[in-house]
Amino acid sequence: MNIKFGAIKGMVVGKKDTKSADGKSTYYKLSIVIDGEAGMISCTEDVFMNADNMKEYNMFFVYNESYKSLSLKKIVPVDIGKVNTEPTRPAK
């Protein structure tokens, strides 16, 4: 069973892809910082390709109970979906 959780704000600080020994598969990892703690996490190819270094994202994770592994499944740039807090003026 997969357990999904997310919308945790973090920053991507590095990217690394590695080929399998037989060259048939590629594994993707991002270096991320969340609340001052840094680490590397596996991610999908799509997440890897869309991640930019030194950019903040809302991150969505999946924990796979069968493999006892955590991976990053989706990222959304923090600046997308910000609420406009500027006061509005009545229409004239």
N, C-alpha and C. Protein backbone atom coordinates (compact mmCIF):
# COMPACT_ATOMS: atom_id res chain seq x y z
N MET A 1 0.84 -1.18 0.00
CA MET A 1 0.00 0.00 0.00
C MET A 1 0.89 1.24 0.00
N ASN A 2 0.44 2.28 -0.75
CA ASN A 2 1.15 3.55 -0.79
C ASN A 2 0.43 4.57 0.08
N ILE A 3 1.20 5.30 0.85
CA ILE A 3 0.66 6.36 1.69
C ILE A 3 1.14 7.68 1.09
N LYS A 4 0.19 8.55 0.73
CA LYS A 4 0.52 9.81 0.09
C LYS A 4 0.42 10.95 1.10
N PHE A 5 1.36 11.87 1.02
CA PHE A 5 1.28 13.09 1.81
C PHE A 5 2.07 14.17 1.11
N GLY A 6 1.77 15.41 1.44
CA GLY A 6 2.49 16.45 0.72
C GLY A 6 2.17 17.85 1.11
N ALA A 7 2.43 18.74 0.17
CA ALA A 7 2.35 20.19 0.36
C ALA A 7 3.33 20.61 1.45
N ILE A 8 4.50 20.03 1.41
CA ILE A 8 5.59 20.43 2.30
C ILE A 8 6.53 21.30 1.49
N LYS A 9 6.78 22.52 1.98
CA LYS A 9 7.64 23.44 1.23
C LYS A 9 9.10 23.09 1.43
N GLY A 10 9.82 23.00 0.33
CA GLY A 10 11.25 22.72 0.38
C GLY A 10 11.95 23.30 -0.84
N MET A 11 13.28 23.26 -0.81
CA MET A 11 14.07 23.80 -1.91
C MET A 11 14.91 22.70 -2.54
N VAL A 12 14.94 22.67 -3.87
CA VAL A 12 15.81 21.75 -4.59
C VAL A 12 17.19 22.42 -4.68
N VAL A 13 18.23 21.69 -4.26
CA VAL A 13 19.58 22.25 -4.30
C VAL A 13 20.54 21.43 -5.17
N GLY A 14 20.07 20.30 -5.70
CA GLY A 14 20.92 19.49 -6.57
C GLY A 14 20.13 18.38 -7.23
N LYS A 15 20.68 17.86 -8.33
CA LYS A 15 20.04 16.79 -9.09
C LYS A 15 21.10 15.75 -9.47
N LYS A 16 20.70 14.47 -9.44
CA LYS A 16 21.63 13.41 -9.85
C LYS A 16 20.84 12.27 -10.47
N ASP A 17 21.29 11.86 -11.66
CA ASP A 17 20.70 10.67 -12.28
C ASP A 17 21.79 9.62 -12.44
N THR A 18 21.41 8.37 -12.24
CA THR A 18 22.36 7.26 -12.27
C THR A 18 21.80 6.14 -13.13
N LYS A 19 22.63 5.59 -14.01
CA LYS A 19 22.23 4.43 -14.83
C LYS A 19 22.44 3.14 -14.04
N SER A 20 21.58 2.17 -14.29
CA SER A 20 21.75 0.85 -13.69
C SER A 20 22.98 0.18 -14.31
N ALA A 21 23.44 -0.88 -13.68
CA ALA A 21 24.64 -1.58 -14.15
C ALA A 21 24.47 -2.10 -15.59
N ASP A 22 23.25 -2.54 -15.93
CA ASP A 22 23.02 -3.04 -17.29
C ASP A 22 22.67 -1.94 -18.28
N GLY A 23 22.52 -0.70 -17.78
CA GLY A 23 22.23 0.44 -18.65
C GLY A 23 20.80 0.55 -19.11
N LYS A 24 19.93 -0.31 -18.60
CA LYS A 24 18.53 -0.31 -19.05
C LYS A 24 17.64 0.65 -18.28
N SER A 25 18.04 1.01 -17.08
CA SER A 25 17.22 1.87 -16.23
C SER A 25 18.01 3.08 -15.77
N THR A 26 17.29 4.14 -15.49
CA THR A 26 17.90 5.33 -14.93
C THR A 26 17.17 5.65 -13.64
N TYR A 27 17.93 5.97 -12.60
CA TYR A 27 17.37 6.32 -11.30
C TYR A 27 17.60 7.80 -11.06
N TYR A 28 16.58 8.48 -10.56
CA TYR A 28 16.64 9.92 -10.39
C TYR A 28 16.55 10.29 -8.91
N LYS A 29 17.39 11.25 -8.50
CA LYS A 29 17.38 11.74 -7.12
C LYS A 29 17.54 13.25 -7.12
N LEU A 30 16.88 13.87 -6.14
CA LEU A 30 17.04 15.30 -5.91
C LEU A 30 17.63 15.52 -4.53
N SER A 31 18.49 16.51 -4.42
CA SER A 31 18.94 16.99 -3.12
C SER A 31 17.98 18.09 -2.72
N ILE A 32 17.38 17.95 -1.54
CA ILE A 32 16.40 18.94 -1.10
C ILE A 32 16.72 19.42 0.30
N VAL A 33 16.23 20.61 0.62
CA VAL A 33 16.35 21.18 1.96
C VAL A 33 14.94 21.52 2.43
N ILE A 34 14.58 20.99 3.61
CA ILE A 34 13.30 21.28 4.24
C ILE A 34 13.58 21.67 5.68
N ASP A 35 13.16 22.86 6.08
CA ASP A 35 13.37 23.35 7.45
C ASP A 35 14.82 23.23 7.90
N GLY A 36 15.75 23.56 7.04
CA GLY A 36 17.17 23.56 7.39
C GLY A 36 17.83 22.19 7.38
N GLU A 37 17.09 21.14 7.09
CA GLU A 37 17.64 19.77 7.00
C GLU A 37 17.77 19.38 5.54
N ALA A 38 18.94 18.86 5.15
CA ALA A 38 19.19 18.50 3.76
C ALA A 38 19.30 16.99 3.60
N GLY A 39 18.93 16.52 2.42
CA GLY A 39 19.06 15.10 2.12
C GLY A 39 18.74 14.84 0.66
N MET A 40 18.94 13.60 0.24
CA MET A 40 18.61 13.20 -1.13
C MET A 40 17.40 12.28 -1.09
N ILE A 41 16.57 12.41 -2.12
CA ILE A 41 15.37 11.58 -2.19
C ILE A 41 15.14 11.13 -3.63
N SER A 42 14.68 9.91 -3.78
CA SER A 42 14.32 9.40 -5.11
C SER A 42 13.11 10.15 -5.63
N CYS A 43 13.05 10.27 -6.95
CA CYS A 43 11.91 10.96 -7.56
C CYS A 43 11.63 10.35 -8.93
N THR A 44 10.51 10.73 -9.48
CA THR A 44 10.16 10.27 -10.82
C THR A 44 10.96 11.07 -11.86
N GLU A 45 11.02 10.55 -13.07
CA GLU A 45 11.72 11.25 -14.15
C GLU A 45 11.07 12.61 -14.40
N ASP A 46 9.75 12.65 -14.35
CA ASP A 46 9.02 13.90 -14.59
C ASP A 46 9.39 14.97 -13.56
N VAL A 47 9.42 14.59 -12.29
CA VAL A 47 9.81 15.53 -11.23
C VAL A 47 11.24 15.99 -11.47
N PHE A 48 12.13 15.07 -11.78
CA PHE A 48 13.54 15.38 -12.01
C PHE A 48 13.70 16.40 -13.14
N MET A 49 13.01 16.18 -14.24
CA MET A 49 13.14 17.05 -15.41
C MET A 49 12.55 18.44 -15.16
N ASN A 50 11.55 18.54 -14.29
CA ASN A 50 10.89 19.82 -14.04
C ASN A 50 11.46 20.59 -12.85
N ALA A 51 12.39 20.00 -12.12
CA ALA A 51 12.98 20.65 -10.95
C ALA A 51 14.15 21.53 -11.36
N ASP A 52 14.21 22.71 -10.79
CA ASP A 52 15.33 23.63 -11.00
C ASP A 52 16.06 23.83 -9.69
N ASN A 53 17.39 23.86 -9.76
CA ASN A 53 18.19 24.09 -8.55
C ASN A 53 17.90 25.47 -7.96
N MET A 54 17.94 25.53 -6.64
CA MET A 54 17.77 26.76 -5.88
C MET A 54 16.38 27.38 -6.07
N LYS A 55 15.37 26.53 -6.25
CA LYS A 55 14.00 26.99 -6.40
C LYS A 55 13.12 26.27 -5.37
N GLU A 56 12.17 27.01 -4.79
CA GLU A 56 11.28 26.43 -3.78
C GLU A 56 10.06 25.80 -4.44
N TYR A 57 9.66 24.66 -3.86
CA TYR A 57 8.50 23.92 -4.35
C TYR A 57 7.65 23.44 -3.19
N ASN A 58 6.36 23.25 -3.45
CA ASN A 58 5.52 22.45 -2.57
C ASN A 58 5.73 21.02 -3.04
N MET A 59 6.11 20.15 -2.11
CA MET A 59 6.51 18.79 -2.47
C MET A 59 5.49 17.78 -1.97
N PHE A 60 5.23 16.80 -2.81
CA PHE A 60 4.25 15.76 -2.51
C PHE A 60 4.97 14.40 -2.56
N PHE A 61 4.86 13.65 -1.49
CA PHE A 61 5.62 12.41 -1.31
C PHE A 61 4.70 11.19 -1.27
N VAL A 62 5.30 10.02 -1.52
CA VAL A 62 4.61 8.74 -1.38
C VAL A 62 5.53 7.79 -0.62
N TYR A 63 4.95 7.13 0.40
CA TYR A 63 5.67 6.09 1.12
C TYR A 63 5.13 4.74 0.66
N ASN A 64 6.00 3.88 0.15
CA ASN A 64 5.62 2.55 -0.31
C ASN A 64 5.91 1.56 0.81
N GLU A 65 4.86 1.04 1.40
CA GLU A 65 5.02 0.11 2.54
C GLU A 65 5.71 -1.19 2.13
N SER A 66 5.46 -1.66 0.91
CA SER A 66 6.07 -2.92 0.46
C SER A 66 7.59 -2.82 0.41
N TYR A 67 8.09 -1.70 -0.13
CA TYR A 67 9.53 -1.51 -0.27
C TYR A 67 10.14 -0.68 0.86
N LYS A 68 9.26 -0.18 1.75
CA LYS A 68 9.69 0.68 2.85
C LYS A 68 10.55 1.83 2.32
N SER A 69 9.98 2.52 1.31
CA SER A 69 10.73 3.61 0.67
C SER A 69 9.86 4.85 0.52
N LEU A 70 10.51 5.98 0.61
CA LEU A 70 9.86 7.27 0.43
C LEU A 70 10.37 7.88 -0.87
N SER A 71 9.47 8.42 -1.67
CA SER A 71 9.89 9.06 -2.92
C SER A 71 9.07 10.33 -3.16
N LEU A 72 9.64 11.19 -3.95
CA LEU A 72 9.01 12.46 -4.30
C LEU A 72 8.24 12.25 -5.60
N LYS A 73 6.92 12.48 -5.57
CA LYS A 73 6.08 12.17 -6.73
C LYS A 73 5.61 13.39 -7.50
N LYS A 74 5.61 14.58 -6.85
CA LYS A 74 5.10 15.76 -7.53
C LYS A 74 5.70 17.00 -6.89
N ILE A 75 5.98 18.01 -7.70
CA ILE A 75 6.43 19.30 -7.19
C ILE A 75 5.61 20.40 -7.86
N VAL A 76 5.31 21.44 -7.09
CA VAL A 76 4.61 22.60 -7.62
C VAL A 76 5.37 23.83 -7.15
N PRO A 77 5.81 24.68 -8.09
CA PRO A 77 6.55 25.88 -7.66
C PRO A 77 5.75 26.67 -6.63
N VAL A 78 6.43 27.17 -5.61
CA VAL A 78 5.77 27.89 -4.53
C VAL A 78 5.08 29.14 -5.04
N ASP A 79 5.64 29.80 -6.05
CA ASP A 79 5.05 31.05 -6.53
C ASP A 79 3.76 30.86 -7.32
N ILE A 80 3.42 29.62 -7.68
CA ILE A 80 2.16 29.36 -8.38
C ILE A 80 1.05 29.25 -7.35
N GLY A 81 -0.03 29.92 -7.60
CA GLY A 81 -1.18 29.82 -6.71
C GLY A 81 -1.12 30.73 -5.51
N LYS A 82 -0.18 31.68 -5.49
CA LYS A 82 -0.15 32.63 -4.38
C LYS A 82 -1.39 33.50 -4.43
N VAL A 83 -1.89 33.80 -3.27
CA VAL A 83 -3.09 34.63 -3.17
C VAL A 83 -2.69 36.09 -3.23
N ASN A 84 -3.39 36.86 -4.02
CA ASN A 84 -3.14 38.29 -4.10
C ASN A 84 -3.70 38.95 -2.85
N THR A 85 -2.83 39.56 -2.05
CA THR A 85 -3.26 40.18 -0.80
C THR A 85 -3.40 41.69 -0.92
N GLU A 86 -3.25 42.22 -2.15
CA GLU A 86 -3.41 43.64 -2.37
C GLU A 86 -4.87 44.01 -2.19
N PRO A 87 -5.12 45.16 -1.55
CA PRO A 87 -6.53 45.56 -1.39
C PRO A 87 -7.17 45.86 -2.75
N THR A 88 -8.41 45.50 -2.89
CA THR A 88 -9.10 45.77 -4.15
C THR A 88 -9.89 47.06 -4.02
N ARG A 89 -10.06 47.72 -5.13
CA ARG A 89 -10.82 48.99 -5.15
C ARG A 89 -12.19 48.72 -5.74
N PRO A 90 -13.19 49.36 -5.18
CA PRO A 90 -14.53 49.16 -5.74
C PRO A 90 -14.59 49.68 -7.19
N ALA A 91 -15.38 49.03 -8.00
CA ALA A 91 -15.55 49.46 -9.39
C ALA A 91 -16.26 50.81 -9.41
N LYS A 92 -15.87 51.65 -10.34
CA LYS A 92 -16.50 52.98 -10.46
C LYS A 92 -17.47 53.00 -11.61
